[in-house]
């Protein structure tokens, strides 16, 4: 069953373009090291905050990548631009 980790955060508009560059580097690095990252979707919400949903093919693949996160210097580089960041995990129970 697929799983999703959804992040919610704010970013200073002056840092947004740099966030996109750093986020892309992180996604590329994780995909090179771990299979199963099926989709990553960044959405700007009406209030100016963002949701960043990372969908994994399985909980095992997600867990392996999450455990290896300290090995990716791209993660703190991207996260340093975020404020009020939270993350929640969920299992996809219906997809059409």
C-alpha atoms as a PDB file:
ATOM      1  CA  UNK A   1       0.000   0.000   0.000  1.00  0.00           C
ATOM      2  CA  UNK A   2       1.305   3.469  -0.882  1.00  0.00           C
ATOM      3  CA  UNK A   3       2.093   5.961   1.850  1.00  0.00           C
ATOM      4  CA  UNK A   4       2.322   9.733   1.844  1.00  0.00           C
ATOM      5  CA  UNK A   5       4.350  12.077   4.011  1.00  0.00           C
ATOM      6  CA  UNK A   6       2.817  15.543   3.891  1.00  0.00           C
ATOM      7  CA  UNK A   7       4.737  18.578   5.031  1.00  0.00           C
ATOM      8  CA  UNK A   8       3.115  21.933   5.761  1.00  0.00           C
ATOM      9  CA  UNK A   9       5.276  25.035   5.988  1.00  0.00           C
ATOM     10  CA  UNK A  10       5.876  28.667   5.187  1.00  0.00           C
ATOM     11  CA  UNK A  11       8.752  30.115   3.220  1.00  0.00           C
ATOM     12  CA  UNK A  12       9.816  33.727   2.807  1.00  0.00           C
ATOM     13  CA  UNK A  13       8.885  34.788  -0.741  1.00  0.00           C
ATOM     14  CA  UNK A  14      12.460  36.025  -1.209  1.00  0.00           C
ATOM     15  CA  UNK A  15      13.673  32.436  -0.555  1.00  0.00           C
ATOM     16  CA  UNK A  16      11.130  30.613  -2.694  1.00  0.00           C
ATOM     17  CA  UNK A  17      13.239  30.205  -5.848  1.00  0.00           C
ATOM     18  CA  UNK A  18      16.162  28.937  -3.774  1.00  0.00           C
ATOM     19  CA  UNK A  19      13.822  26.512  -2.004  1.00  0.00           C
ATOM     20  CA  UNK A  20      12.806  25.072  -5.379  1.00  0.00           C
ATOM     21  CA  UNK A  21      16.466  24.547  -6.304  1.00  0.00           C
ATOM     22  CA  UNK A  22      17.342  22.919  -2.975  1.00  0.00           C
ATOM     23  CA  UNK A  23      14.162  20.825  -2.923  1.00  0.00           C
ATOM     24  CA  UNK A  24      14.889  19.533  -6.446  1.00  0.00           C
ATOM     25  CA  UNK A  25      18.423  18.564  -5.359  1.00  0.00           C
ATOM     26  CA  UNK A  26      17.000  16.668  -2.377  1.00  0.00           C
ATOM     27  CA  UNK A  27      14.430  14.836  -4.502  1.00  0.00           C
ATOM     28  CA  UNK A  28      17.111  13.855  -7.034  1.00  0.00           C
ATOM     29  CA  UNK A  29      19.456  12.599  -4.310  1.00  0.00           C
ATOM     30  CA  UNK A  30      16.767  10.553  -2.582  1.00  0.00           C
ATOM     31  CA  UNK A  31      15.576   9.013  -5.851  1.00  0.00           C
ATOM     32  CA  UNK A  32      19.167   8.086  -6.747  1.00  0.00           C
ATOM     33  CA  UNK A  33      19.636   6.272  -3.435  1.00  0.00           C
ATOM     34  CA  UNK A  34      16.163   4.838  -2.759  1.00  0.00           C
ATOM     35  CA  UNK A  35      13.531   3.350  -5.005  1.00  0.00           C
ATOM     36  CA  UNK A  36       9.860   3.914  -4.463  1.00  0.00           C
ATOM     37  CA  UNK A  37       9.479   7.697  -4.415  1.00  0.00           C
ATOM     38  CA  UNK A  38       6.576   7.779  -6.856  1.00  0.00           C
ATOM     39  CA  UNK A  39       5.518  11.419  -6.740  1.00  0.00           C
ATOM     40  CA  UNK A  40       6.341  14.679  -5.023  1.00  0.00           C
ATOM     41  CA  UNK A  41       3.844  17.525  -5.218  1.00  0.00           C
ATOM     42  CA  UNK A  42       4.264  21.062  -3.875  1.00  0.00           C
ATOM     43  CA  UNK A  43       1.076  23.103  -3.518  1.00  0.00           C
ATOM     44  CA  UNK A  44       0.770  26.765  -2.582  1.00  0.00           C
ATOM     45  CA  UNK A  45      -2.348  27.208  -0.443  1.00  0.00           C
ATOM     46  CA  UNK A  46      -4.659  30.222  -0.386  1.00  0.00           C
ATOM     47  CA  UNK A  47      -3.086  31.509   2.808  1.00  0.00           C
ATOM     48  CA  UNK A  48       0.395  31.564   1.236  1.00  0.00           C
ATOM     49  CA  UNK A  49       1.664  28.440   3.028  1.00  0.00           C
ATOM     50  CA  UNK A  50       2.649  25.240   1.257  1.00  0.00           C
ATOM     51  CA  UNK A  51       1.909  21.540   1.424  1.00  0.00           C
ATOM     52  CA  UNK A  52       4.566  19.223   0.086  1.00  0.00           C
ATOM     53  CA  UNK A  53       3.302  15.666  -0.419  1.00  0.00           C
ATOM     54  CA  UNK A  54       5.775  12.843  -0.997  1.00  0.00           C
ATOM     55  CA  UNK A  55       4.134   9.584  -2.138  1.00  0.00           C
ATOM     56  CA  UNK A  56       6.008   6.323  -1.710  1.00  0.00           C
ATOM     57  CA  UNK A  57       5.138   2.969  -3.279  1.00  0.00           C
ATOM     58  CA  UNK A  58       5.417   1.231   0.094  1.00  0.00           C
ATOM     59  CA  UNK A  59       5.853   1.907   3.786  1.00  0.00           C
ATOM     60  CA  UNK A  60       9.100  -0.089   3.718  1.00  0.00           C
ATOM     61  CA  UNK A  61      10.631   2.099   1.003  1.00  0.00           C
ATOM     62  CA  UNK A  62       9.548   5.232   2.827  1.00  0.00           C
ATOM     63  CA  UNK A  63      10.938   3.938   6.111  1.00  0.00           C
ATOM     64  CA  UNK A  64      14.309   3.123   4.562  1.00  0.00           C
ATOM     65  CA  UNK A  65      14.607   6.581   3.011  1.00  0.00           C
ATOM     66  CA  UNK A  66      13.492   8.288   6.211  1.00  0.00           C
ATOM     67  CA  UNK A  67      16.054   6.366   8.243  1.00  0.00           C
ATOM     68  CA  UNK A  68      18.761   7.459   5.792  1.00  0.00           C
ATOM     69  CA  UNK A  69      17.723  11.131   5.838  1.00  0.00           C
ATOM     70  CA  UNK A  70      20.740  12.152   7.982  1.00  0.00           C
ATOM     71  CA  UNK A  71      22.934  10.960   5.074  1.00  0.00           C
ATOM     72  CA  UNK A  72      21.483  13.626   2.765  1.00  0.00           C
ATOM     73  CA  UNK A  73      23.006  17.093   3.301  1.00  0.00           C
ATOM     74  CA  UNK A  74      20.399  18.397   0.876  1.00  0.00           C
ATOM     75  CA  UNK A  75      17.698  17.894   3.526  1.00  0.00           C
ATOM     76  CA  UNK A  76      18.902  20.447   6.098  1.00  0.00           C
ATOM     77  CA  UNK A  77      19.860  22.794   3.263  1.00  0.00           C
ATOM     78  CA  UNK A  78      16.274  22.819   1.978  1.00  0.00           C
ATOM     79  CA  UNK A  79      14.679  22.754   5.425  1.00  0.00           C
ATOM     80  CA  UNK A  80      16.702  25.755   6.588  1.00  0.00           C
ATOM     81  CA  UNK A  81      14.483  27.946   4.404  1.00  0.00           C
ATOM     82  CA  UNK A  82      11.236  26.769   6.033  1.00  0.00           C
ATOM     83  CA  UNK A  83       9.317  28.181   8.974  1.00  0.00           C
ATOM     84  CA  UNK A  84       6.465  26.659  10.967  1.00  0.00           C
ATOM     85  CA  UNK A  85       7.165  23.258   9.400  1.00  0.00           C
ATOM     86  CA  UNK A  86       5.167  20.183  10.364  1.00  0.00           C
ATOM     87  CA  UNK A  87       4.926  16.698   8.849  1.00  0.00           C
ATOM     88  CA  UNK A  88       2.374  13.900   9.048  1.00  0.00           C
ATOM     89  CA  UNK A  89       2.363  10.410   7.561  1.00  0.00           C
ATOM     90  CA  UNK A  90      -0.594   8.582   6.098  1.00  0.00           C
ATOM     91  CA  UNK A  91      -1.559   5.477   4.168  1.00  0.00           C
ATOM     92  CA  UNK A  92      -3.454   5.864   0.907  1.00  0.00           C
ATOM     93  CA  UNK A  93      -6.715   3.981   1.307  1.00  0.00           C
ATOM     94  CA  UNK A  94      -8.420   5.014  -1.958  1.00  0.00           C
ATOM     95  CA  UNK A  95      -7.000   6.414  -5.165  1.00  0.00           C
ATOM     96  CA  UNK A  96      -8.842   6.964  -8.419  1.00  0.00           C
END
